[in-house]
Amino acid sequence: MSVVSAELDLHALTVDEALPALDRYLSAAFMAGYSEVRIVHGKGSGILRQAVSRELRRHPLVKSFRIGGHREGQTGCTMVQLVEH
């Protein structure tokens, strides 16, 4: 049995690598009972953050999402609210 973290770190991945990992993670986090998770995509040029946002907008397990706050990583991460079970 694997343990699902409340955080997924994508910042070293390409968009093509990150999006399937994000989808798998969101399913696992939902099944683990999380209501909120943190997706780390880094600041960089913003390409990965934009791709993650597009994916989150259409994902059926995502209730809402926002850029991280001051103590959450700010623009380097996205906080995701998952739908309720």
C-alpha atoms as a PDB file:
ATOM      1  CA  MET A   1       0.000   0.000   0.000  1.00  0.00           C
ATOM      2  CA  SER A   2       1.404   3.395  -0.950  1.00  0.00           C
ATOM      3  CA  VAL A   3       0.851   6.588   0.990  1.00  0.00           C
ATOM      4  CA  VAL A   4      -0.485   9.591  -0.905  1.00  0.00           C
ATOM      5  CA  SER A   5       1.037  12.927   0.044  1.00  0.00           C
ATOM      6  CA  ALA A   6      -0.975  16.134   0.305  1.00  0.00           C
ATOM      7  CA  GLU A   7       1.484  17.662  -2.183  1.00  0.00           C
ATOM      8  CA  LEU A   8       2.573  16.856  -5.729  1.00  0.00           C
ATOM      9  CA  ASP A   9       5.867  18.301  -6.977  1.00  0.00           C
ATOM     10  CA  LEU A  10       5.865  18.792 -10.758  1.00  0.00           C
ATOM     11  CA  HIS A  11       8.422  21.582 -11.070  1.00  0.00           C
ATOM     12  CA  ALA A  12      11.170  19.507 -12.742  1.00  0.00           C
ATOM     13  CA  LEU A  13       8.832  17.954 -15.327  1.00  0.00           C
ATOM     14  CA  THR A  14       7.817  18.966 -18.826  1.00  0.00           C
ATOM     15  CA  VAL A  15       4.149  19.675 -19.533  1.00  0.00           C
ATOM     16  CA  ASP A  16       3.888  16.328 -21.348  1.00  0.00           C
ATOM     17  CA  GLU A  17       5.216  14.527 -18.267  1.00  0.00           C
ATOM     18  CA  ALA A  18       3.357  16.641 -15.707  1.00  0.00           C
ATOM     19  CA  LEU A  19      -0.233  16.408 -16.947  1.00  0.00           C
ATOM     20  CA  PRO A  20      -0.568  12.596 -16.767  1.00  0.00           C
ATOM     21  CA  ALA A  21       1.143  12.662 -13.345  1.00  0.00           C
ATOM     22  CA  LEU A  22      -1.313  15.341 -12.200  1.00  0.00           C
ATOM     23  CA  ASP A  23      -4.302  13.299 -13.344  1.00  0.00           C
ATOM     24  CA  ARG A  24      -3.052  10.159 -11.556  1.00  0.00           C
ATOM     25  CA  TYR A  25      -2.287  12.166  -8.419  1.00  0.00           C
ATOM     26  CA  LEU A  26      -5.707  13.851  -8.263  1.00  0.00           C
ATOM     27  CA  SER A  27      -7.417  10.461  -8.479  1.00  0.00           C
ATOM     28  CA  ALA A  28      -5.180   9.018  -5.756  1.00  0.00           C
ATOM     29  CA  ALA A  29      -5.638  12.068  -3.509  1.00  0.00           C
ATOM     30  CA  PHE A  30      -9.412  11.898  -3.919  1.00  0.00           C
ATOM     31  CA  MET A  31      -9.423   8.183  -3.087  1.00  0.00           C
ATOM     32  CA  ALA A  32      -7.212   8.898  -0.037  1.00  0.00           C
ATOM     33  CA  GLY A  33      -9.869  11.315   1.239  1.00  0.00           C
ATOM     34  CA  TYR A  34      -8.077  14.638   0.831  1.00  0.00           C
ATOM     35  CA  SER A  35     -10.239  17.731   0.522  1.00  0.00           C
ATOM     36  CA  GLU A  36      -7.327  20.037  -0.414  1.00  0.00           C
ATOM     37  CA  VAL A  37      -3.954  19.361  -2.020  1.00  0.00           C
ATOM     38  CA  ARG A  38      -0.979  21.448  -3.103  1.00  0.00           C
ATOM     39  CA  ILE A  39       0.488  21.229  -6.603  1.00  0.00           C
ATOM     40  CA  VAL A  40       4.046  22.576  -6.870  1.00  0.00           C
ATOM     41  CA  HIS A  41       4.889  23.707 -10.400  1.00  0.00           C
ATOM     42  CA  GLY A  42       7.548  26.333  -9.733  1.00  0.00           C
ATOM     43  CA  LYS A  43       7.624  29.934 -10.867  1.00  0.00           C
ATOM     44  CA  GLY A  44       9.856  29.883 -13.976  1.00  0.00           C
ATOM     45  CA  SER A  45       8.275  31.106 -17.192  1.00  0.00           C
ATOM     46  CA  GLY A  46       4.761  30.114 -16.077  1.00  0.00           C
ATOM     47  CA  ILE A  47       4.208  27.564 -18.850  1.00  0.00           C
ATOM     48  CA  LEU A  48       3.755  24.642 -16.450  1.00  0.00           C
ATOM     49  CA  ARG A  49       1.512  26.707 -14.143  1.00  0.00           C
ATOM     50  CA  GLN A  50      -0.694  27.617 -17.110  1.00  0.00           C
ATOM     51  CA  ALA A  51      -0.921  23.997 -18.262  1.00  0.00           C
ATOM     52  CA  VAL A  52      -1.777  22.854 -14.730  1.00  0.00           C
ATOM     53  CA  SER A  53      -4.495  25.529 -14.514  1.00  0.00           C
ATOM     54  CA  ARG A  54      -6.018  24.425 -17.830  1.00  0.00           C
ATOM     55  CA  GLU A  55      -6.044  20.812 -16.643  1.00  0.00           C
ATOM     56  CA  LEU A  56      -7.554  21.703 -13.263  1.00  0.00           C
ATOM     57  CA  ARG A  57     -10.313  23.759 -14.916  1.00  0.00           C
ATOM     58  CA  ARG A  58     -11.604  20.682 -16.733  1.00  0.00           C
ATOM     59  CA  HIS A  59     -10.839  17.938 -14.217  1.00  0.00           C
ATOM     60  CA  PRO A  60     -13.982  16.312 -12.755  1.00  0.00           C
ATOM     61  CA  LEU A  61     -12.457  15.841  -9.270  1.00  0.00           C
ATOM     62  CA  VAL A  62     -11.557  19.533  -8.867  1.00  0.00           C
ATOM     63  CA  LYS A  63     -14.044  21.764  -7.079  1.00  0.00           C
ATOM     64  CA  SER A  64     -11.868  24.899  -7.214  1.00  0.00           C
ATOM     65  CA  PHE A  65      -8.256  26.042  -7.230  1.00  0.00           C
ATOM     66  CA  ARG A  66      -6.159  29.119  -6.539  1.00  0.00           C
ATOM     67  CA  ILE A  67      -2.562  30.281  -6.585  1.00  0.00           C
ATOM     68  CA  GLY A  68      -0.805  29.652  -3.270  1.00  0.00           C
ATOM     69  CA  GLY A  69      -0.872  32.319  -0.615  1.00  0.00           C
ATOM     70  CA  HIS A  70       2.051  33.993   1.137  1.00  0.00           C
ATOM     71  CA  ARG A  71       2.969  30.959   3.264  1.00  0.00           C
ATOM     72  CA  GLU A  72       1.921  28.381   0.679  1.00  0.00           C
ATOM     73  CA  GLY A  73       4.427  29.063  -2.096  1.00  0.00           C
ATOM     74  CA  GLN A  74       2.680  31.925  -3.877  1.00  0.00           C
ATOM     75  CA  THR A  75       2.881  31.673  -7.692  1.00  0.00           C
ATOM     76  CA  GLY A  76       5.086  28.568  -7.440  1.00  0.00           C
ATOM     77  CA  CYS A  77       2.166  26.384  -6.428  1.00  0.00           C
ATOM     78  CA  THR A  78      -1.558  25.927  -6.790  1.00  0.00           C
ATOM     79  CA  MET A  79      -3.912  24.953  -3.981  1.00  0.00           C
ATOM     80  CA  VAL A  80      -6.668  22.617  -5.147  1.00  0.00           C
ATOM     81  CA  GLN A  81     -10.009  21.899  -3.482  1.00  0.00           C
ATOM     82  CA  LEU A  82     -11.300  18.463  -4.437  1.00  0.00           C
ATOM     83  CA  VAL A  83     -14.958  17.579  -4.782  1.00  0.00           C
ATOM     84  CA  GLU A  84     -16.590  15.974  -1.766  1.00  0.00           C
ATOM     85  CA  HIS A  85     -17.074  12.210  -1.598  1.00  0.00           C
END
